[in-house]
Amino acid sequence: MHFAFLGTSGSIPSATRDTTSIVVVGPEGAVLLDCGGSPVQKLRRLGIDPQALATVIVTHLHPDHSYGLPALVRNLAVLGREAPLTIRCRPEHVEPVRSLLSLFNTLERPGMFTLTVRAIDLAEVAHAFDLGPLSVRTSPNEHGAMPNFAVRVDAKGGRSMVYSSDTRPCDAVVTLARGADTLIHDATFSERDRGRVGSRVGAHSTAGEAGEVAARAGVRRLILTHIEAEYHDEVDLLAEEARKRFAGEVEIARELVPYPL
């Protein structure tokens, strides 16, 4: 069992980092957390059969987290998929997701595999589903005007990881991450840009704030992701900012590298 980043950038990708997306792989299938551009290509580069996907979780409807969904569904159909696929999202996003898929004629094509769009429970630390030894829970987070949620994956007999998705620092993510081994947290900006006009820090976290959340949750390791493109050449700065508030392991997310779960 392992997880890997298909992308680690904020809303604008660079030559070295694509938009944020994570795949979690277990013995009975894989779960995709958010769906940026060209997921099938990224999965194949990781050596993961795209047909192994059992569930796609779309945490929110900002384009960098959802625009690859129609391409993914269409690619799976062309590859001859027969197994059902479930897309999970917030209740208010069910119809927009269905509309997005319908726009590209990928929702209910004759002969296509069964595709279900299902709402998550908006309670904190709500059980979403199990996939073999993987258990998935969710909690709403705080992402400004865009409703969003964080995701926790626990592996039976193994470790657990929490993906904050895009969020400002919030108690809900701290609660969801308690007892987890790894916290993957939004680190869109540096502390130096907290007050910058137009920085969108109000809907995201700085690296230092991600460190503070990790410390409060008591996790072993913090992995920084959703890094704005302007920091891609100075990611060590972000790691150092997080280390000032968190004494555990701090890493910058690496794309297309398996992390044991």
Protein backbone atom coordinates (compact mmCIF):
# COMPACT_ATOMS: atom_id res chain seq x y z
CA MET A 1 0.00 0.00 0.00
CA HIS A 2 1.34 3.42 -0.91
CA PHE A 3 0.43 6.90 -2.07
CA ALA A 4 2.00 9.17 -4.67
CA PHE A 5 1.61 12.72 -5.91
CA LEU A 6 0.52 13.19 -9.51
CA GLY A 7 0.96 16.93 -8.98
CA THR A 8 2.02 19.29 -6.19
CA SER A 9 1.54 22.85 -7.48
CA GLY A 10 -0.96 25.52 -6.62
CA SER A 11 -3.44 26.68 -9.23
CA ILE A 12 -0.77 27.42 -11.87
CA PRO A 13 1.57 24.56 -12.84
CA SER A 14 5.21 25.08 -13.76
CA ALA A 15 7.70 23.13 -15.85
CA THR A 16 8.50 20.99 -12.80
CA ARG A 17 5.20 20.72 -10.88
CA ASP A 18 1.65 20.02 -12.05
CA THR A 19 -1.55 20.84 -10.15
CA THR A 20 -2.19 18.96 -6.92
CA SER A 21 -3.49 15.39 -7.12
CA ILE A 22 -2.72 12.24 -5.09
CA VAL A 23 -3.29 8.54 -5.74
CA VAL A 24 -3.61 6.04 -2.89
CA VAL A 25 -3.02 2.41 -3.89
CA GLY A 26 -4.24 -0.63 -1.95
CA PRO A 27 -4.59 -4.35 -2.73
CA GLU A 28 -8.19 -3.97 -3.90
CA GLY A 29 -7.85 -0.84 -5.99
CA ALA A 30 -6.78 2.78 -6.00
CA VAL A 31 -8.34 6.07 -4.88
CA LEU A 32 -7.61 9.36 -6.65
CA LEU A 33 -7.71 12.46 -4.47
CA ASP A 34 -8.49 15.34 -6.82
CA CYS A 35 -8.09 15.21 -10.56
CA GLY A 36 -5.83 17.66 -12.35
CA GLY A 37 -4.62 17.38 -15.92
CA SER A 38 -3.82 14.09 -17.69
CA PRO A 39 -4.25 11.66 -14.77
CA VAL A 40 -3.98 8.56 -16.95
CA GLN A 41 -0.56 9.60 -18.22
CA LYS A 42 0.64 10.27 -14.66
CA LEU A 43 -0.71 6.96 -13.37
CA ARG A 44 1.06 5.08 -16.14
CA ARG A 45 4.33 6.85 -15.36
CA LEU A 46 3.92 5.57 -11.80
CA GLY A 47 3.34 2.05 -13.07
CA ILE A 48 -0.31 2.09 -11.90
CA ASP A 49 -2.98 0.64 -14.16
CA PRO A 50 -5.62 3.39 -14.59
CA GLN A 51 -8.26 0.68 -14.53
CA ALA A 52 -7.33 0.03 -10.89
CA LEU A 53 -9.10 3.26 -9.88
CA ALA A 54 -12.18 2.45 -7.82
CA THR A 55 -13.06 5.91 -6.54
CA VAL A 56 -12.23 9.50 -7.46
CA ILE A 57 -12.62 12.11 -4.72
CA VAL A 58 -13.12 15.69 -5.87
CA THR A 59 -12.61 17.87 -2.80
CA HIS A 60 -13.83 21.06 -4.47
CA LEU A 61 -14.58 22.55 -7.86
CA HIS A 62 -11.68 24.91 -8.46
CA PRO A 63 -10.36 23.97 -11.92
CA ASP A 64 -6.92 22.81 -10.77
CA HIS A 65 -8.59 20.09 -8.66
CA SER A 66 -11.26 18.94 -11.10
CA TYR A 67 -10.52 19.85 -14.71
CA GLY A 68 -8.97 16.46 -15.51
CA LEU A 69 -12.13 14.55 -14.60
CA PRO A 70 -13.82 14.44 -18.04
CA ALA A 71 -10.54 13.33 -19.65
CA LEU A 72 -10.09 10.61 -17.05
CA VAL A 73 -13.59 9.21 -17.56
CA ARG A 74 -13.28 9.34 -21.35
CA ASN A 75 -9.84 7.68 -21.28
CA LEU A 76 -11.12 4.86 -19.07
CA ALA A 77 -14.05 4.28 -21.44
CA VAL A 78 -11.78 4.15 -24.49
CA LEU A 79 -9.50 1.73 -22.63
CA GLY A 80 -12.49 -0.60 -22.31
CA ARG A 81 -13.31 -0.20 -18.64
CA GLU A 82 -16.21 -2.35 -17.47
CA ALA A 83 -16.03 -1.97 -13.68
CA PRO A 84 -18.13 0.76 -12.04
CA LEU A 85 -16.46 4.00 -10.94
CA THR A 86 -17.63 6.21 -8.08
CA ILE A 87 -16.93 9.94 -7.89
CA ARG A 88 -17.36 11.41 -4.40
CA CYS A 89 -17.77 15.11 -3.68
CA ARG A 90 -19.66 17.53 -1.44
CA PRO A 91 -23.49 17.41 -1.72
CA GLU A 92 -23.69 20.83 -3.38
CA HIS A 93 -21.15 19.74 -5.98
CA VAL A 94 -22.94 16.59 -7.17
CA GLU A 95 -24.95 18.32 -9.89
CA PRO A 96 -22.08 20.57 -11.05
CA VAL A 97 -19.85 17.48 -11.40
CA ARG A 98 -22.57 15.72 -13.37
CA SER A 99 -22.95 18.81 -15.55
CA LEU A 100 -19.19 18.92 -16.17
CA LEU A 101 -19.20 15.31 -17.31
CA SER A 102 -22.33 15.84 -19.41
CA LEU A 103 -20.72 18.80 -21.16
CA PHE A 104 -18.08 16.45 -22.55
CA ASN A 105 -20.61 13.67 -23.20
CA THR A 106 -18.91 11.42 -20.67
CA LEU A 107 -21.71 10.83 -18.15
CA GLU A 108 -24.15 8.36 -19.71
CA ARG A 109 -22.81 7.15 -23.04
CA PRO A 110 -24.37 3.94 -24.43
CA GLY A 111 -22.30 0.91 -23.47
CA MET A 112 -20.12 2.87 -21.06
CA PHE A 113 -19.27 1.58 -17.59
CA THR A 114 -21.50 2.62 -14.69
CA LEU A 115 -20.49 6.02 -13.31
CA THR A 116 -21.94 7.22 -10.01
CA VAL A 117 -21.53 10.68 -8.45
CA ARG A 118 -22.10 10.39 -4.71
CA ALA A 119 -22.21 13.00 -1.93
CA ILE A 120 -20.05 12.72 1.17
CA ASP A 121 -21.37 13.24 4.70
CA LEU A 122 -20.54 16.76 5.88
CA ALA A 123 -20.09 15.77 9.53
CA GLU A 124 -16.57 16.04 10.95
CA VAL A 125 -14.51 12.84 10.70
CA ALA A 126 -17.36 11.18 8.77
CA HIS A 127 -16.79 7.68 7.41
CA ALA A 128 -16.91 7.85 3.60
CA PHE A 129 -16.12 4.31 2.43
CA ASP A 130 -13.78 1.33 2.77
CA LEU A 131 -11.74 -0.22 -0.01
CA GLY A 132 -10.28 -3.47 1.25
CA PRO A 133 -7.90 -2.54 4.09
CA LEU A 134 -8.24 1.18 3.35
CA SER A 135 -10.73 3.24 5.36
CA VAL A 136 -11.54 6.78 4.21
CA ARG A 137 -12.97 9.58 6.36
CA THR A 138 -13.63 13.24 5.60
CA SER A 139 -14.11 16.60 7.34
CA PRO A 140 -15.15 19.99 5.91
CA ASN A 141 -12.29 22.52 6.00
CA GLU A 142 -12.08 26.28 5.47
CA HIS A 143 -11.37 27.42 1.92
CA GLY A 144 -12.94 30.84 1.75
CA ALA A 145 -15.98 31.08 -0.52
CA MET A 146 -15.41 27.63 -2.07
CA PRO A 147 -16.86 24.73 -0.01
CA ASN A 148 -14.20 22.06 0.43
CA PHE A 149 -13.17 19.11 2.59
CA ALA A 150 -10.11 17.24 3.86
CA VAL A 151 -9.56 13.48 3.54
CA ARG A 152 -8.04 10.87 5.85
CA VAL A 153 -6.97 7.39 4.69
CA ASP A 154 -6.20 4.72 7.30
CA ALA A 155 -4.57 1.45 6.26
CA LYS A 156 -5.47 -1.56 8.39
CA GLY A 157 -2.28 -2.80 9.99
CA GLY A 158 -0.40 0.16 8.54
CA ARG A 159 -0.22 3.91 8.82
CA SER A 160 -2.55 6.76 7.96
CA MET A 161 -2.33 9.93 5.95
CA VAL A 162 -4.42 13.09 5.88
CA TYR A 163 -4.78 15.40 2.89
CA SER A 164 -5.90 18.88 3.92
CA SER A 165 -6.80 19.93 0.37
CA ASP A 166 -6.87 23.72 -0.07
CA THR A 167 -7.54 25.34 3.27
CA ARG A 168 -6.63 28.04 5.72
CA PRO A 169 -5.45 26.63 9.08
CA CYS A 170 -8.49 25.17 10.82
CA ASP A 171 -9.44 23.04 13.82
CA ALA A 172 -11.28 20.51 11.65
CA VAL A 173 -8.06 19.46 9.90
CA VAL A 174 -6.25 19.27 13.26
CA THR A 175 -8.97 16.96 14.57
CA LEU A 176 -9.00 14.81 11.44
CA ALA A 177 -5.20 14.45 11.54
CA ARG A 178 -4.84 13.46 15.19
CA GLY A 179 -3.03 10.14 15.50
CA ALA A 180 -2.11 10.11 11.80
CA ASP A 181 1.39 9.34 10.63
CA THR A 182 1.50 11.84 7.76
CA LEU A 183 -0.22 15.17 7.17
CA ILE A 184 -0.19 16.48 3.60
CA HIS A 185 -1.01 20.15 3.95
CA ASP A 186 -1.64 23.18 1.77
CA ALA A 187 1.49 25.40 1.78
CA THR A 188 0.58 27.81 -0.99
CA PHE A 189 2.62 30.77 0.24
CA SER A 190 5.60 31.86 2.29
CA GLU A 191 5.13 33.76 5.52
CA ARG A 192 6.69 36.78 3.83
CA ASP A 193 3.62 37.14 1.60
CA ARG A 194 0.94 36.81 4.26
CA GLY A 195 -0.20 40.42 3.87
CA ARG A 196 0.32 40.75 0.14
CA VAL A 197 -2.69 42.11 -1.73
CA GLY A 198 -4.20 39.42 -3.94
CA SER A 199 -2.21 36.62 -2.29
CA ARG A 200 -5.36 34.63 -1.41
CA VAL A 201 -3.79 33.66 1.92
CA GLY A 202 -7.26 33.97 3.45
CA ALA A 203 -8.30 30.81 1.60
CA HIS A 204 -4.97 28.99 1.85
CA SER A 205 -2.13 28.37 4.30
CA THR A 206 1.47 29.47 4.51
CA ALA A 207 4.18 26.89 5.10
CA GLY A 208 4.55 28.14 8.65
CA GLU A 209 0.83 27.71 9.30
CA ALA A 210 1.01 24.18 7.90
CA GLY A 211 3.77 23.48 10.44
CA GLU A 212 1.59 24.78 13.24
CA VAL A 213 -1.32 22.53 12.21
CA ALA A 214 1.03 19.51 12.12
CA ALA A 215 2.32 20.33 15.60
CA ARG A 216 -1.20 20.67 17.02
CA ALA A 217 -2.27 17.39 15.42
CA GLY A 218 0.78 15.55 16.72
CA VAL A 219 1.62 13.84 13.43
CA ARG A 220 5.02 12.32 12.73
CA ARG A 221 5.59 13.81 9.28
CA LEU A 222 4.43 16.89 7.39
CA ILE A 223 4.49 16.99 3.59
CA LEU A 224 3.96 20.42 2.02
CA THR A 225 1.99 20.60 -1.21
CA HIS A 226 -0.16 22.97 -3.31
CA ILE A 227 2.88 25.23 -3.61
CA GLU A 228 2.39 28.40 -5.64
CA ALA A 229 4.52 28.40 -8.82
CA GLU A 230 6.58 31.40 -7.75
CA TYR A 231 8.09 29.29 -4.94
CA HIS A 232 8.97 26.21 -7.01
CA ASP A 233 12.62 27.29 -7.18
CA GLU A 234 12.86 27.98 -3.45
CA VAL A 235 10.96 25.18 -1.79
CA ASP A 236 13.68 24.85 0.87
CA LEU A 237 12.52 28.22 2.21
CA LEU A 238 9.03 26.83 2.75
CA ALA A 239 10.36 23.73 4.50
CA GLU A 240 12.41 25.87 6.88
CA GLU A 241 9.39 28.02 7.71
CA ALA A 242 7.41 24.90 8.61
CA ARG A 243 10.25 23.51 10.74
CA LYS A 244 10.16 26.62 12.92
CA ARG A 245 6.72 25.51 14.16
CA PHE A 246 6.88 21.73 13.81
CA ALA A 247 9.58 19.50 15.31
CA GLY A 248 8.74 16.40 13.29
CA GLU A 249 9.81 15.46 9.78
CA VAL A 250 9.10 18.09 7.12
CA GLU A 251 9.26 17.32 3.40
CA ILE A 252 8.35 19.04 0.17
CA ALA A 253 6.02 16.80 -1.84
CA ARG A 254 7.78 14.99 -4.68
CA GLU A 255 5.85 14.08 -7.79
CA LEU A 256 5.65 10.53 -9.18
CA VAL A 257 7.48 9.02 -6.18
CA PRO A 258 5.77 6.25 -4.14
CA TYR A 259 5.43 6.87 -0.39
CA PRO A 260 4.71 3.73 1.72
CA LEU A 261 1.41 3.84 3.59
